[in-house]
């Protein structure tokens, strides 16, 4: 096959591709919404389970602890500035710090796996990574006294997040079709 033949073949495909783009692909919106709801429902228990497994490892003095802290201040008494003990909104709490882990955060996951749990770092292009391949390669380290049995949940959560983002991007036009 010559370059001219290849060119003619590709040129002949332009009209059908344009016709497919104009026509679009019909999307069953009810099914798409059902799938999004099912993924969200399946992700919630995963996120709770992952957070429970991570909770014992979060502590003051760990590397980059500020990434995991969420500070809260009562708006009514401004954290104790104005008569905290009699504040009805916060019952005298004023301020607090909550420890949170977001499984969707690559930065938090890197700190947790490589700095806190001390798993061997996986790198890509000289930078630490927590992509699917890296997490799969760390599975043998996720058992025993040091392991948190965390990686299977993170892998499943990543799959759910990917599917959810694909389905959210597939929002059809007014005629119920998507086009490239």
Protein backbone atom coordinates (compact mmCIF):
# COMPACT_ATOMS: atom_id res chain seq x y z
CA UNK A 1 0.00 0.00 0.00
CA UNK A 2 1.44 3.35 -1.00
CA UNK A 3 1.12 6.64 0.79
CA UNK A 4 -1.31 7.79 -1.91
CA UNK A 5 -3.58 4.77 -1.26
CA UNK A 6 -3.55 5.47 2.47
CA UNK A 7 -4.38 9.12 1.86
CA UNK A 8 -7.32 8.21 -0.42
CA UNK A 9 -8.61 5.69 2.13
CA UNK A 10 -8.50 8.23 4.99
CA UNK A 11 -10.12 10.88 2.81
CA UNK A 12 -12.97 8.49 2.01
CA UNK A 13 -13.61 8.11 5.77
CA UNK A 14 -14.14 11.84 6.36
CA UNK A 15 -17.78 11.90 5.17
CA UNK A 16 -18.95 8.93 7.31
CA UNK A 17 -17.15 10.30 10.38
CA UNK A 18 -18.77 13.71 9.95
CA UNK A 19 -22.17 12.05 9.54
CA UNK A 20 -21.66 10.08 12.77
CA UNK A 21 -20.63 13.25 14.60
CA UNK A 22 -23.71 15.12 13.37
CA UNK A 23 -26.01 12.24 14.33
CA UNK A 24 -24.40 11.65 17.73
CA UNK A 25 -24.72 8.70 20.06
CA UNK A 26 -27.95 8.25 21.99
CA UNK A 27 -27.52 7.99 25.75
CA UNK A 28 -30.11 6.44 28.05
CA UNK A 29 -30.21 9.28 30.59
CA UNK A 30 -32.19 7.33 33.19
CA UNK A 31 -29.64 4.51 33.12
CA UNK A 32 -26.73 6.96 33.29
CA UNK A 33 -28.27 8.59 36.37
CA UNK A 34 -28.89 5.16 37.93
CA UNK A 35 -25.27 4.19 37.34
CA UNK A 36 -24.05 7.47 38.88
CA UNK A 37 -26.25 6.89 41.94
CA UNK A 38 -25.04 3.29 42.27
CA UNK A 39 -21.39 4.38 42.05
CA UNK A 40 -21.94 7.10 44.66
CA UNK A 41 -23.69 4.60 46.95
CA UNK A 42 -20.86 2.08 46.55
CA UNK A 43 -18.17 4.74 47.10
CA UNK A 44 -19.51 5.97 50.44
CA UNK A 45 -18.92 2.73 52.40
CA UNK A 46 -15.51 2.38 50.73
CA UNK A 47 -14.55 5.88 51.81
CA UNK A 48 -15.70 5.19 55.38
CA UNK A 49 -13.78 1.89 55.50
CA UNK A 50 -10.62 3.52 54.13
CA UNK A 51 -10.90 6.37 56.65
CA UNK A 52 -11.28 3.89 59.52
CA UNK A 53 -8.16 2.03 58.42
CA UNK A 54 -6.21 5.28 58.10
CA UNK A 55 -7.42 6.81 61.38
CA UNK A 56 -4.93 4.98 63.69
CA UNK A 57 -2.01 6.27 61.61
CA UNK A 58 -2.97 9.96 61.76
CA UNK A 59 -1.24 11.70 64.65
CA UNK A 60 0.42 14.89 65.68
CA UNK A 61 4.08 15.05 64.65
CA UNK A 62 3.69 12.92 61.55
CA UNK A 63 5.15 14.30 58.31
CA UNK A 64 2.99 17.04 56.76
CA UNK A 65 0.28 16.60 59.39
CA UNK A 66 -1.33 19.86 58.28
CA UNK A 67 -2.59 18.14 55.11
CA UNK A 68 -4.87 15.97 57.23
CA UNK A 69 -6.18 18.62 59.62
CA UNK A 70 -9.41 20.51 59.11
CA UNK A 71 -9.81 23.41 61.49
CA UNK A 72 -13.24 24.53 62.60
CA UNK A 73 -14.17 27.76 64.37
CA UNK A 74 -17.62 28.68 65.69
CA UNK A 75 -19.03 31.62 63.77
CA UNK A 76 -21.21 32.76 66.65
CA UNK A 77 -18.51 33.17 69.30
CA UNK A 78 -15.58 33.33 66.84
CA UNK A 79 -13.69 30.52 68.53
CA UNK A 80 -13.99 31.89 72.03
CA UNK A 81 -13.31 35.53 71.33
CA UNK A 82 -16.84 36.44 72.40
CA UNK A 83 -18.21 34.63 75.49
CA UNK A 84 -17.47 31.10 74.41
CA UNK A 85 -18.82 29.41 77.53
CA UNK A 86 -22.32 30.80 76.97
CA UNK A 87 -22.39 30.18 73.19
CA UNK A 88 -25.48 28.17 72.24
CA UNK A 89 -24.23 27.45 68.72
CA UNK A 90 -21.15 25.44 69.73
CA UNK A 91 -21.95 24.61 73.39
CA UNK A 92 -18.73 26.26 74.49
CA UNK A 93 -16.40 24.32 72.16
CA UNK A 94 -15.25 27.39 70.24
CA UNK A 95 -12.58 25.72 68.06
CA UNK A 96 -11.59 22.22 67.13
CA UNK A 97 -9.34 20.35 64.76
CA UNK A 98 -10.65 17.32 62.87
CA UNK A 99 -8.35 14.79 61.25
CA UNK A 100 -9.56 13.92 57.75
CA UNK A 101 -8.27 11.68 55.01
CA UNK A 102 -9.54 12.15 51.46
CA UNK A 103 -8.89 9.00 49.38
CA UNK A 104 -9.21 11.08 46.20
CA UNK A 105 -6.25 13.26 47.24
CA UNK A 106 -3.04 12.03 45.63
CA UNK A 107 -0.94 14.27 47.91
CA UNK A 108 -2.48 12.87 51.10
CA UNK A 109 -2.14 9.32 49.78
CA UNK A 110 1.55 9.85 48.95
CA UNK A 111 2.28 11.19 52.43
CA UNK A 112 0.33 8.36 54.06
CA UNK A 113 1.89 5.53 52.06
CA UNK A 114 5.46 6.70 51.68
CA UNK A 115 6.09 8.88 54.75
CA UNK A 116 3.76 7.51 57.46
CA UNK A 117 3.49 3.81 56.56
CA UNK A 118 6.98 3.84 55.01
CA UNK A 119 6.16 1.73 51.97
CA UNK A 120 8.91 1.80 49.32
CA UNK A 121 8.33 4.81 47.11
CA UNK A 122 7.12 4.22 43.56
CA UNK A 123 8.19 6.89 41.12
CA UNK A 124 7.38 7.92 37.60
CA UNK A 125 9.58 10.49 35.87
CA UNK A 126 11.46 11.06 39.14
CA UNK A 127 8.35 11.90 41.19
CA UNK A 128 6.48 9.77 43.69
CA UNK A 129 3.24 8.41 42.27
CA UNK A 130 0.13 6.69 43.57
CA UNK A 131 -1.41 5.65 40.27
CA UNK A 132 -3.04 2.26 39.84
CA UNK A 133 0.16 0.49 38.80
CA UNK A 134 2.06 1.87 41.80
CA UNK A 135 -0.68 0.82 44.22
CA UNK A 136 -0.80 -2.68 42.72
CA UNK A 137 2.96 -3.04 43.10
CA UNK A 138 2.66 -2.09 46.80
CA UNK A 139 0.08 -4.80 47.60
CA UNK A 140 2.69 -7.24 49.01
CA UNK A 141 3.74 -4.58 51.58
CA UNK A 142 0.16 -3.98 52.72
CA UNK A 143 0.00 -7.02 55.03
CA UNK A 144 1.47 -7.88 58.38
CA UNK A 145 2.07 -5.64 61.38
CA UNK A 146 3.14 -2.61 59.35
CA UNK A 147 0.40 -2.86 56.72
CA UNK A 148 -2.93 -1.14 57.03
CA UNK A 149 -4.83 -3.38 54.53
CA UNK A 150 -5.57 -0.11 52.81
CA UNK A 151 -4.56 -0.62 49.18
CA UNK A 152 -7.44 -2.85 47.98
CA UNK A 153 -9.89 -0.19 49.17
CA UNK A 154 -7.89 2.59 47.50
CA UNK A 155 -7.81 0.65 44.22
CA UNK A 156 -11.57 0.08 44.32
CA UNK A 157 -12.20 3.72 45.24
CA UNK A 158 -10.05 4.83 42.28
CA UNK A 159 -12.05 2.63 39.88
CA UNK A 160 -15.32 4.07 41.19
CA UNK A 161 -14.02 7.64 40.89
CA UNK A 162 -12.86 7.04 37.31
CA UNK A 163 -16.18 5.54 36.25
CA UNK A 164 -18.09 8.35 37.96
CA UNK A 165 -16.04 11.05 36.21
CA UNK A 166 -16.57 9.38 32.81
CA UNK A 167 -20.32 9.16 33.37
CA UNK A 168 -20.49 12.78 34.57
CA UNK A 169 -18.67 13.99 31.45
CA UNK A 170 -21.08 12.05 29.20
CA UNK A 171 -23.94 14.47 29.80
CA UNK A 172 -26.06 14.43 26.64
CA UNK A 173 -27.33 17.44 24.71
CA UNK A 174 -31.02 18.45 24.57
CA UNK A 175 -31.77 15.74 22.02
CA UNK A 176 -30.41 13.00 24.30
CA UNK A 177 -27.22 12.42 22.30
CA UNK A 178 -23.55 13.02 22.87
CA UNK A 179 -21.16 14.14 20.15
CA UNK A 180 -17.42 14.11 19.87
